[in-house]
């Protein structure tokens, strides 16, 4: 079975929309169509909110590589985001963990400046109110790979549920990311 692919910018009818129910044999992948570049933002993000939130989600990948070797998908916090905002966060809820999620080959841009620091993290796992530990459910199989992260206080911030055996997060992969200074050189 193949993944369901949502190709941003592809002609209508292109992509794996036949069965968008995600499972181990049919994960969902969001990626730009070949040769396309996209910036995803919004008018505002509230305090302790996120531009992209995986709310107890399973089997979903954001892959920003539309052209091999490039980051063709950018997620940018708006300039008026609230305190402790995040570009992407993994947010488990009571009894439901986040698992088999991946953010790869993207540019994740916060809105910190030289004098203000509202963007807490590019990628975040923790309590709803940052910073804090996840008290709700243990997450596993999360990947943050080959992203460029800038303009946030923390590039990647993950704070698990507990230190007790079988209660802590597992199989967390953070690799090949470029984390640039806490101030956004792109101007917010």
N, C-alpha and C. Protein backbone atom coordinates (compact mmCIF):
# COMPACT_ATOMS: atom_id res chain seq x y z
N UNK A 1 0.84 -1.18 0.00
CA UNK A 1 0.00 0.00 0.00
C UNK A 1 0.88 1.24 0.00
N UNK A 2 0.42 2.28 -0.66
CA UNK A 2 1.19 3.52 -0.75
C UNK A 2 0.59 4.58 0.15
N UNK A 3 1.40 5.60 0.50
CA UNK A 3 0.86 6.68 1.31
C UNK A 3 -0.13 7.53 0.51
N UNK A 4 -1.01 8.21 1.24
CA UNK A 4 -1.89 9.20 0.63
C UNK A 4 -1.10 10.50 0.59
N UNK A 5 -0.85 11.03 -0.60
CA UNK A 5 -0.01 12.23 -0.75
C UNK A 5 -0.90 13.41 -1.09
N UNK A 6 -0.78 14.47 -0.32
CA UNK A 6 -1.45 15.73 -0.62
C UNK A 6 -0.40 16.61 -1.27
N UNK A 7 -0.49 16.79 -2.58
CA UNK A 7 0.47 17.61 -3.31
C UNK A 7 -0.05 19.05 -3.39
N UNK A 8 0.55 19.95 -2.63
CA UNK A 8 0.14 21.35 -2.68
C UNK A 8 0.54 21.91 -4.03
N UNK A 9 -0.38 22.53 -4.72
CA UNK A 9 -0.09 23.16 -6.01
C UNK A 9 -0.22 22.23 -7.20
N UNK A 10 -0.56 20.97 -6.97
CA UNK A 10 -0.74 20.04 -8.09
C UNK A 10 -2.12 20.27 -8.71
N UNK A 11 -2.30 19.92 -9.98
CA UNK A 11 -3.61 20.06 -10.60
C UNK A 11 -4.68 19.29 -9.83
N UNK A 12 -5.92 19.74 -9.89
CA UNK A 12 -7.03 19.07 -9.23
C UNK A 12 -7.09 17.61 -9.66
N UNK A 13 -7.32 16.75 -8.68
CA UNK A 13 -7.42 15.33 -8.97
C UNK A 13 -6.10 14.59 -8.86
N UNK A 14 -5.00 15.32 -8.61
CA UNK A 14 -3.69 14.67 -8.46
C UNK A 14 -3.40 14.54 -6.97
N UNK A 15 -3.05 13.37 -6.53
CA UNK A 15 -2.77 13.14 -5.12
C UNK A 15 -3.59 11.96 -4.63
N UNK A 16 -3.31 11.53 -3.44
CA UNK A 16 -3.94 10.32 -2.92
C UNK A 16 -5.18 10.58 -2.09
N UNK A 17 -6.19 11.13 -2.68
CA UNK A 17 -7.40 11.46 -1.93
C UNK A 17 -8.40 10.32 -1.82
N UNK A 18 -8.14 9.18 -2.40
CA UNK A 18 -9.15 8.11 -2.42
C UNK A 18 -9.48 7.59 -1.02
N UNK A 19 -8.49 7.53 -0.14
CA UNK A 19 -8.73 7.07 1.23
C UNK A 19 -7.78 7.81 2.14
N UNK A 20 -8.24 8.89 2.74
CA UNK A 20 -7.36 9.71 3.57
C UNK A 20 -7.30 9.23 5.02
N UNK A 21 -7.85 8.06 5.30
CA UNK A 21 -7.74 7.50 6.64
C UNK A 21 -6.30 7.03 6.84
N UNK A 22 -5.62 7.58 7.81
CA UNK A 22 -4.21 7.26 8.02
C UNK A 22 -4.07 6.02 8.90
N UNK A 23 -3.15 5.15 8.51
CA UNK A 23 -2.79 4.00 9.33
C UNK A 23 -1.37 3.59 8.95
N UNK A 24 -0.88 2.53 9.56
CA UNK A 24 0.51 2.12 9.33
C UNK A 24 0.80 1.82 7.87
N UNK A 25 -0.15 1.29 7.15
CA UNK A 25 0.10 0.95 5.75
C UNK A 25 -0.32 2.07 4.80
N UNK A 26 -0.92 3.12 5.32
CA UNK A 26 -1.35 4.23 4.47
C UNK A 26 -1.20 5.56 5.22
N UNK A 27 0.04 5.99 5.48
CA UNK A 27 0.23 7.29 6.14
C UNK A 27 -0.12 8.44 5.19
N UNK A 28 -0.34 9.60 5.75
CA UNK A 28 -0.63 10.79 4.95
C UNK A 28 0.64 11.62 4.86
N UNK A 29 0.96 12.10 3.66
CA UNK A 29 2.14 12.93 3.43
C UNK A 29 1.69 14.24 2.78
N UNK A 30 2.06 15.36 3.38
CA UNK A 30 1.82 16.68 2.82
C UNK A 30 3.13 17.18 2.23
N UNK A 31 3.13 17.52 0.93
CA UNK A 31 4.37 18.00 0.31
C UNK A 31 4.04 18.90 -0.88
N UNK A 32 4.97 19.77 -1.25
CA UNK A 32 4.74 20.61 -2.42
C UNK A 32 4.86 19.78 -3.70
N UNK A 33 4.10 20.17 -4.70
CA UNK A 33 4.22 19.53 -6.01
C UNK A 33 5.61 19.84 -6.56
N UNK A 34 6.10 19.00 -7.43
CA UNK A 34 7.44 19.18 -8.01
C UNK A 34 7.56 20.57 -8.64
N UNK A 35 8.64 21.26 -8.29
CA UNK A 35 8.92 22.57 -8.87
C UNK A 35 8.17 23.73 -8.22
N UNK A 36 7.38 23.47 -7.18
CA UNK A 36 6.60 24.51 -6.51
C UNK A 36 7.25 24.90 -5.18
N UNK A 37 7.09 26.17 -4.79
CA UNK A 37 7.52 26.67 -3.49
C UNK A 37 6.32 27.30 -2.80
N UNK A 38 6.19 27.06 -1.49
CA UNK A 38 5.05 27.58 -0.75
C UNK A 38 5.47 28.11 0.60
N UNK A 39 4.81 29.18 1.04
CA UNK A 39 4.94 29.72 2.38
C UNK A 39 3.57 29.59 3.03
N UNK A 40 3.52 28.92 4.17
CA UNK A 40 2.27 28.75 4.91
C UNK A 40 2.35 29.60 6.16
N UNK A 41 1.35 30.47 6.34
CA UNK A 41 1.28 31.34 7.50
C UNK A 41 -0.19 31.58 7.81
N UNK A 42 -0.46 32.45 8.72
CA UNK A 42 -1.83 32.80 9.11
C UNK A 42 -1.83 34.23 9.64
N UNK A 43 -3.01 34.76 9.94
CA UNK A 43 -3.10 36.14 10.43
C UNK A 43 -2.54 36.28 11.84
N UNK A 44 -2.74 35.29 12.71
CA UNK A 44 -2.21 35.35 14.07
C UNK A 44 -2.18 33.95 14.68
N UNK A 45 -1.32 33.79 15.66
CA UNK A 45 -1.24 32.56 16.44
C UNK A 45 -1.33 33.00 17.91
N UNK A 46 -2.25 32.43 18.69
CA UNK A 46 -2.42 32.87 20.09
C UNK A 46 -1.25 32.45 20.97
N UNK A 47 -1.20 33.01 22.16
CA UNK A 47 -0.20 32.60 23.15
C UNK A 47 -0.31 31.09 23.36
N UNK A 48 0.82 30.42 23.43
CA UNK A 48 0.90 28.96 23.59
C UNK A 48 0.22 28.19 22.47
N UNK A 49 0.04 28.82 21.32
CA UNK A 49 -0.56 28.17 20.16
C UNK A 49 0.52 27.80 19.16
N UNK A 50 0.10 27.21 18.06
CA UNK A 50 1.03 26.79 17.02
C UNK A 50 0.44 27.06 15.64
N UNK A 51 1.32 27.33 14.69
CA UNK A 51 0.89 27.46 13.31
C UNK A 51 0.39 26.11 12.81
N UNK A 52 1.12 25.04 13.13
CA UNK A 52 0.71 23.67 12.78
C UNK A 52 0.70 22.87 14.07
N UNK A 53 -0.44 22.28 14.38
CA UNK A 53 -0.55 21.47 15.59
C UNK A 53 -0.98 20.06 15.23
N UNK A 54 -0.17 19.09 15.65
CA UNK A 54 -0.54 17.68 15.54
C UNK A 54 -1.23 17.32 16.85
N UNK A 55 -2.54 17.37 16.89
CA UNK A 55 -3.31 17.15 18.10
C UNK A 55 -3.65 15.66 18.22
N UNK A 56 -2.84 14.93 18.98
CA UNK A 56 -3.00 13.48 19.15
C UNK A 56 -3.07 12.78 17.78
N UNK A 57 -2.27 13.25 16.85
CA UNK A 57 -2.30 12.72 15.47
C UNK A 57 -1.41 11.48 15.34
N UNK A 58 -1.72 10.69 14.34
CA UNK A 58 -0.94 9.50 14.00
C UNK A 58 -0.69 9.48 12.50
N UNK A 59 0.45 8.95 12.10
CA UNK A 59 0.78 8.64 10.69
C UNK A 59 0.64 9.84 9.74
N UNK A 60 1.36 10.89 10.03
CA UNK A 60 1.32 12.07 9.16
C UNK A 60 2.74 12.60 9.01
N UNK A 61 3.12 12.93 7.78
CA UNK A 61 4.43 13.49 7.49
C UNK A 61 4.26 14.79 6.71
N UNK A 62 4.98 15.81 7.12
CA UNK A 62 5.14 17.01 6.30
C UNK A 62 6.51 16.91 5.69
N UNK A 63 6.59 16.81 4.38
CA UNK A 63 7.85 16.71 3.66
C UNK A 63 7.94 17.89 2.69
N UNK A 64 8.79 18.85 3.00
CA UNK A 64 8.90 20.07 2.21
C UNK A 64 9.74 19.96 0.95
N UNK A 65 10.20 18.78 0.60
CA UNK A 65 11.07 18.60 -0.56
C UNK A 65 10.24 18.38 -1.83
N UNK A 66 10.08 19.45 -2.62
CA UNK A 66 9.40 19.35 -3.91
C UNK A 66 10.40 19.12 -5.02
N UNK A 67 11.61 19.64 -4.83
CA UNK A 67 12.73 19.43 -5.74
C UNK A 67 13.81 18.72 -4.92
N UNK A 68 14.34 17.60 -5.39
CA UNK A 68 15.32 16.85 -4.59
C UNK A 68 16.45 17.75 -4.06
N UNK A 69 16.68 17.64 -2.75
CA UNK A 69 17.75 18.39 -2.11
C UNK A 69 17.37 19.80 -1.68
N UNK A 70 16.12 20.22 -1.90
CA UNK A 70 15.70 21.58 -1.53
C UNK A 70 14.61 21.55 -0.47
N UNK A 71 14.45 22.69 0.20
CA UNK A 71 13.34 22.90 1.13
C UNK A 71 12.37 23.84 0.43
N UNK A 72 11.29 23.30 -0.10
CA UNK A 72 10.35 24.09 -0.91
C UNK A 72 9.07 24.44 -0.16
N UNK A 73 9.04 24.15 1.13
CA UNK A 73 7.87 24.45 1.95
C UNK A 73 8.33 25.17 3.21
N UNK A 74 7.79 26.37 3.41
CA UNK A 74 8.16 27.20 4.56
C UNK A 74 6.93 27.46 5.41
N UNK A 75 7.08 27.32 6.73
CA UNK A 75 6.03 27.64 7.69
C UNK A 75 6.52 28.84 8.49
N UNK A 76 5.75 29.94 8.49
CA UNK A 76 6.20 31.19 9.12
C UNK A 76 5.16 31.72 10.10
N UNK A 77 5.61 31.92 11.34
CA UNK A 77 4.73 32.56 12.31
C UNK A 77 4.51 34.01 11.90
N UNK A 78 3.29 34.52 12.04
CA UNK A 78 3.07 35.93 11.73
C UNK A 78 3.72 36.82 12.79
N UNK A 79 3.95 38.07 12.45
CA UNK A 79 4.65 38.98 13.35
C UNK A 79 3.91 39.22 14.66
N UNK A 80 2.59 39.05 14.68
CA UNK A 80 1.82 39.32 15.89
C UNK A 80 1.47 38.06 16.68
N UNK A 81 2.25 37.00 16.58
CA UNK A 81 1.98 35.77 17.34
C UNK A 81 2.15 36.03 18.84
N UNK A 82 1.36 35.30 19.63
CA UNK A 82 1.41 35.46 21.08
C UNK A 82 2.65 34.84 21.70
N UNK A 83 2.83 35.09 23.00
CA UNK A 83 3.98 34.57 23.71
C UNK A 83 3.97 33.04 23.72
N UNK A 84 5.15 32.48 23.72
CA UNK A 84 5.35 31.02 23.73
C UNK A 84 4.67 30.31 22.56
N UNK A 85 4.54 31.00 21.44
CA UNK A 85 3.98 30.37 20.24
C UNK A 85 5.03 29.44 19.62
N UNK A 86 4.53 28.50 18.84
CA UNK A 86 5.41 27.53 18.19
C UNK A 86 5.07 27.46 16.71
N UNK A 87 6.05 27.10 15.89
CA UNK A 87 5.77 26.91 14.47
C UNK A 87 5.03 25.59 14.29
N UNK A 88 5.57 24.50 14.82
CA UNK A 88 4.93 23.18 14.76
C UNK A 88 4.95 22.59 16.16
N UNK A 89 3.83 22.02 16.60
CA UNK A 89 3.90 21.28 17.86
C UNK A 89 3.17 19.96 17.79
N UNK A 90 3.71 19.03 18.59
CA UNK A 90 3.11 17.72 18.78
C UNK A 90 2.38 17.80 20.12
N UNK A 91 1.06 17.65 20.11
CA UNK A 91 0.28 17.86 21.32
C UNK A 91 -0.59 16.64 21.62
N UNK A 92 -0.09 15.72 22.46
CA UNK A 92 -0.93 14.60 22.86
C UNK A 92 -2.05 15.11 23.77
N UNK A 93 -3.12 14.33 23.88
CA UNK A 93 -4.17 14.70 24.83
C UNK A 93 -4.45 13.51 25.74
N UNK A 94 -5.38 13.64 26.64
CA UNK A 94 -5.63 12.59 27.63
C UNK A 94 -5.91 11.26 26.96
N UNK A 95 -5.05 10.29 27.22
CA UNK A 95 -5.24 8.95 26.70
C UNK A 95 -4.89 8.75 25.23
N UNK A 96 -4.44 9.79 24.55
CA UNK A 96 -4.13 9.65 23.12
C UNK A 96 -2.79 10.32 22.82
N UNK A 97 -1.82 9.52 22.46
CA UNK A 97 -0.50 10.04 22.18
C UNK A 97 -0.36 10.49 20.73
N UNK A 98 0.70 11.20 20.46
CA UNK A 98 1.12 11.49 19.08
C UNK A 98 2.10 10.39 18.69
N UNK A 99 1.96 9.85 17.48
CA UNK A 99 2.92 8.85 17.06
C UNK A 99 2.99 8.75 15.55
N UNK A 100 4.17 8.34 15.09
CA UNK A 100 4.47 8.20 13.66
C UNK A 100 4.24 9.52 12.92
N UNK A 101 4.83 10.58 13.45
CA UNK A 101 4.73 11.91 12.84
C UNK A 101 6.12 12.37 12.45
N UNK A 102 6.20 13.11 11.35
CA UNK A 102 7.49 13.57 10.86
C UNK A 102 7.37 14.95 10.23
N UNK A 103 8.35 15.80 10.52
CA UNK A 103 8.51 17.09 9.84
C UNK A 103 9.90 17.05 9.24
N UNK A 104 9.97 17.13 7.90
CA UNK A 104 11.27 17.01 7.24
C UNK A 104 11.37 17.95 6.06
N UNK A 105 12.58 18.39 5.80
CA UNK A 105 12.89 19.19 4.61
C UNK A 105 12.08 20.48 4.51
N UNK A 106 11.82 21.12 5.64
CA UNK A 106 11.04 22.36 5.66
C UNK A 106 11.88 23.51 6.22
N UNK A 107 11.40 24.71 5.98
CA UNK A 107 11.95 25.89 6.65
C UNK A 107 10.89 26.31 7.67
N UNK A 108 11.28 26.37 8.95
CA UNK A 108 10.39 26.72 10.04
C UNK A 108 10.85 28.04 10.61
N UNK A 109 10.02 29.08 10.48
CA UNK A 109 10.45 30.45 10.78
C UNK A 109 9.59 31.04 11.90
N UNK A 110 10.25 31.42 12.99
CA UNK A 110 9.57 32.10 14.08
C UNK A 110 9.53 33.61 13.85
N UNK A 111 9.04 34.32 14.85
CA UNK A 111 8.91 35.77 14.71
C UNK A 111 9.71 36.55 15.75
N UNK A 112 10.71 35.92 16.36
CA UNK A 112 11.55 36.65 17.31
C UNK A 112 12.35 37.74 16.61
N UNK A 113 12.56 38.83 17.33
CA UNK A 113 13.41 39.91 16.83
C UNK A 113 14.54 40.10 17.83
N UNK A 114 15.33 41.13 17.66
CA UNK A 114 16.42 41.39 18.60
C UNK A 114 15.90 41.84 19.96
N UNK A 115 14.65 42.30 20.03
CA UNK A 115 14.12 42.83 21.29
C UNK A 115 12.87 42.11 21.81
N UNK A 116 12.22 41.30 21.00
CA UNK A 116 11.04 40.55 21.46
C UNK A 116 11.20 39.08 21.11
N UNK A 117 10.67 38.20 21.98
CA UNK A 117 10.90 36.76 21.83
C UNK A 117 9.62 35.95 22.01
N UNK A 118 8.60 36.19 21.20
CA UNK A 118 7.35 35.43 21.36
C UNK A 118 7.41 33.98 20.88
N UNK A 119 8.30 33.68 19.92
CA UNK A 119 8.35 32.33 19.34
C UNK A 119 9.17 31.41 20.24
N UNK A 120 8.50 30.49 20.91
CA UNK A 120 9.19 29.60 21.85
C UNK A 120 10.03 28.57 21.12
N UNK A 121 9.46 27.89 20.09
CA UNK A 121 10.20 26.82 19.44
C UNK A 121 9.75 26.63 17.99
N UNK A 122 10.69 26.11 17.19
CA UNK A 122 10.35 25.72 15.83
C UNK A 122 9.52 24.45 15.84
N UNK A 123 9.96 23.45 16.63
CA UNK A 123 9.21 22.21 16.82
C UNK A 123 9.15 21.96 18.32
N UNK A 124 7.97 21.60 18.81
CA UNK A 124 7.72 21.53 20.25
C UNK A 124 6.93 20.28 20.62
N UNK A 125 7.33 19.65 21.70
CA UNK A 125 6.53 18.62 22.37
C UNK A 125 6.60 18.95 23.85
N UNK A 126 5.46 19.15 24.46
CA UNK A 126 5.43 19.49 25.88
C UNK A 126 4.01 19.78 26.29
N UNK A 127 3.87 20.46 27.41
CA UNK A 127 2.54 20.83 27.90
C UNK A 127 1.93 21.90 27.01
N UNK A 128 0.63 22.06 27.11
CA UNK A 128 -0.06 23.08 26.32
C UNK A 128 0.51 24.47 26.62
N UNK A 129 0.87 24.72 27.87
CA UNK A 129 1.50 25.98 28.24
C UNK A 129 3.00 25.75 28.32
N UNK A 130 3.76 26.39 27.44
CA UNK A 130 5.21 26.19 27.38
C UNK A 130 5.90 27.02 28.45
N UNK A 131 7.01 26.57 28.99
CA UNK A 131 7.50 25.20 28.88
C UNK A 131 6.85 24.34 29.95
N UNK A 132 6.69 23.11 29.68
CA UNK A 132 6.13 22.19 30.66
C UNK A 132 6.21 20.78 30.15
N UNK A 133 6.09 19.82 31.07
CA UNK A 133 6.17 18.42 30.65
C UNK A 133 4.79 17.94 30.21
N UNK A 134 4.79 16.92 29.38
CA UNK A 134 3.55 16.34 28.87
C UNK A 134 2.96 15.47 29.97
N UNK A 135 1.85 15.90 30.53
CA UNK A 135 1.23 15.13 31.61
C UNK A 135 0.14 14.21 31.08
N UNK A 136 -0.19 14.32 29.80
CA UNK A 136 -1.38 13.65 29.30
C UNK A 136 -1.15 12.25 28.75
N UNK A 137 -0.21 12.10 27.86
CA UNK A 137 0.00 10.79 27.24
C UNK A 137 1.38 10.72 26.63
N UNK A 138 1.97 9.55 26.65
CA UNK A 138 3.32 9.32 26.12
C UNK A 138 3.28 9.27 24.60
N UNK A 139 4.21 9.98 23.94
CA UNK A 139 4.29 9.98 22.48
C UNK A 139 5.49 9.17 22.03
N UNK A 140 5.45 8.73 20.76
CA UNK A 140 6.55 7.91 20.24
C UNK A 140 6.63 8.01 18.73
N UNK A 141 7.81 7.67 18.22
CA UNK A 141 8.06 7.65 16.77
C UNK A 141 7.81 9.02 16.14
N UNK A 142 8.51 10.03 16.67
CA UNK A 142 8.44 11.39 16.15
C UNK A 142 9.77 11.73 15.50
N UNK A 143 9.75 12.37 14.32
CA UNK A 143 10.98 12.70 13.60
C UNK A 143 10.99 14.16 13.19
N UNK A 144 12.14 14.79 13.39
CA UNK A 144 12.39 16.16 12.93
C UNK A 144 13.71 16.07 12.17
N UNK A 145 13.63 16.09 10.82
CA UNK A 145 14.79 15.75 10.00
C UNK A 145 15.01 16.78 8.91
N UNK A 146 16.24 17.27 8.80
CA UNK A 146 16.71 18.11 7.69
C UNK A 146 15.88 19.39 7.48
N UNK A 147 15.55 20.05 8.58
CA UNK A 147 14.83 21.32 8.51
C UNK A 147 15.80 22.47 8.77
N UNK A 148 15.43 23.65 8.30
CA UNK A 148 16.11 24.89 8.67
C UNK A 148 15.16 25.61 9.62
N UNK A 149 15.62 25.87 10.84
CA UNK A 149 14.78 26.46 11.87
C UNK A 149 15.44 27.78 12.31
N UNK A 150 14.68 28.87 12.24
CA UNK A 150 15.24 30.16 12.62
C UNK A 150 14.18 31.06 13.25
N UNK A 151 14.66 32.03 14.01
CA UNK A 151 13.77 33.02 14.61
C UNK A 151 12.95 32.49 15.78
N UNK A 152 13.44 31.46 16.47
CA UNK A 152 12.75 30.92 17.65
C UNK A 152 13.73 30.85 18.81
N UNK A 153 13.21 30.87 20.04
CA UNK A 153 14.09 30.77 21.21
C UNK A 153 14.74 29.40 21.31
N UNK A 154 14.00 28.35 20.95
CA UNK A 154 14.52 26.99 20.90
C UNK A 154 14.24 26.44 19.51
N UNK A 155 15.22 25.84 18.88
CA UNK A 155 14.98 25.22 17.58
C UNK A 155 14.02 24.06 17.72
N UNK A 156 14.41 23.08 18.54
CA UNK A 156 13.56 21.92 18.85
C UNK A 156 13.51 21.80 20.37
N UNK A 157 12.31 21.75 20.91
CA UNK A 157 12.12 21.61 22.36
C UNK A 157 11.18 20.44 22.60
N UNK A 158 11.69 19.40 23.26
CA UNK A 158 10.85 18.24 23.57
C UNK A 158 11.04 17.89 25.03
N UNK A 159 9.94 17.93 25.74
CA UNK A 159 9.96 17.60 27.16
C UNK A 159 8.91 16.53 27.40
N UNK A 160 9.34 15.37 27.77
CA UNK A 160 8.46 14.22 27.86
C UNK A 160 7.57 14.18 29.08
N UNK A 161 6.95 13.03 29.25
CA UNK A 161 5.94 12.85 30.28
C UNK A 161 6.53 12.51 31.63
N UNK A 162 7.50 11.61 31.67
CA UNK A 162 8.00 11.14 32.96
C UNK A 162 9.37 10.49 32.79
N UNK A 163 9.97 10.15 33.90
CA UNK A 163 11.24 9.41 33.88
C UNK A 163 11.03 7.97 34.32
N UNK A 164 9.81 7.57 34.56
CA UNK A 164 9.47 6.21 34.96
C UNK A 164 9.47 5.29 33.74
N UNK A 165 10.00 4.09 33.89
CA UNK A 165 10.04 3.13 32.80
C UNK A 165 8.63 2.95 32.23
N UNK A 166 8.55 2.88 30.91
CA UNK A 166 7.30 2.72 30.16
C UNK A 166 6.38 3.93 30.21
N UNK A 167 6.88 5.04 30.72
CA UNK A 167 6.07 6.25 30.76
C UNK A 167 6.71 7.39 29.95
N UNK A 168 7.96 7.21 29.52
CA UNK A 168 8.62 8.30 28.81
C UNK A 168 8.48 8.14 27.30
N UNK A 169 8.65 9.25 26.59
CA UNK A 169 8.57 9.24 25.13
C UNK A 169 9.66 8.32 24.59
N UNK A 170 9.42 7.72 23.41
CA UNK A 170 10.44 6.84 22.85
C UNK A 170 10.52 6.99 21.34
N UNK A 171 11.68 6.63 20.83
CA UNK A 171 11.98 6.69 19.40
C UNK A 171 11.76 8.09 18.83
N UNK A 172 12.42 9.06 19.42
CA UNK A 172 12.40 10.45 18.94
C UNK A 172 13.67 10.65 18.12
N UNK A 173 13.53 11.06 16.85
CA UNK A 173 14.68 11.26 15.96
C UNK A 173 14.76 12.74 15.60
N UNK A 174 15.88 13.36 15.97
CA UNK A 174 16.15 14.76 15.61
C UNK A 174 17.52 14.75 14.96
N UNK A 175 17.57 14.98 13.63
CA UNK A 175 18.85 14.87 12.94
C UNK A 175 18.92 15.79 11.71
N UNK A 176 20.13 16.21 11.40
CA UNK A 176 20.45 17.00 10.20
C UNK A 176 19.66 18.30 10.08
N UNK A 177 19.30 18.92 11.19
CA UNK A 177 18.61 20.19 11.15
C UNK A 177 19.61 21.33 11.25
N UNK A 178 19.30 22.43 10.60
CA UNK A 178 20.11 23.65 10.71
C UNK A 178 19.31 24.59 11.60
N UNK A 179 19.85 24.92 12.76
CA UNK A 179 19.17 25.81 13.69
C UNK A 179 19.96 27.11 13.75
N UNK A 180 19.32 28.16 13.26
CA UNK A 180 19.95 29.48 13.15
C UNK A 180 19.56 30.29 14.38
N UNK A 181 20.16 31.45 14.59
CA UNK A 181 19.94 32.29 15.77
C UNK A 181 18.49 32.52 16.14
N UNK A 182 18.32 32.99 17.37
CA UNK A 182 16.98 33.19 17.92
C UNK A 182 16.23 34.35 17.29
N UNK A 183 16.93 35.23 16.60
CA UNK A 183 16.28 36.35 15.92
C UNK A 183 16.08 36.03 14.45
N UNK A 184 14.92 36.38 13.91
CA UNK A 184 14.58 36.06 12.54
C UNK A 184 15.25 37.03 11.56
N UNK A 185 16.25 36.58 10.80
CA UNK A 185 16.92 37.47 9.84
C UNK A 185 16.05 37.79 8.62
N UNK A 186 14.92 37.08 8.48
CA UNK A 186 14.04 37.33 7.33
C UNK A 186 13.07 38.47 7.61
N UNK A 187 13.11 39.03 8.82
CA UNK A 187 12.26 40.18 9.13
C UNK A 187 10.90 39.83 9.66
N UNK A 188 10.73 38.68 10.30
CA UNK A 188 9.46 38.32 10.93
C UNK A 188 8.55 37.71 9.95
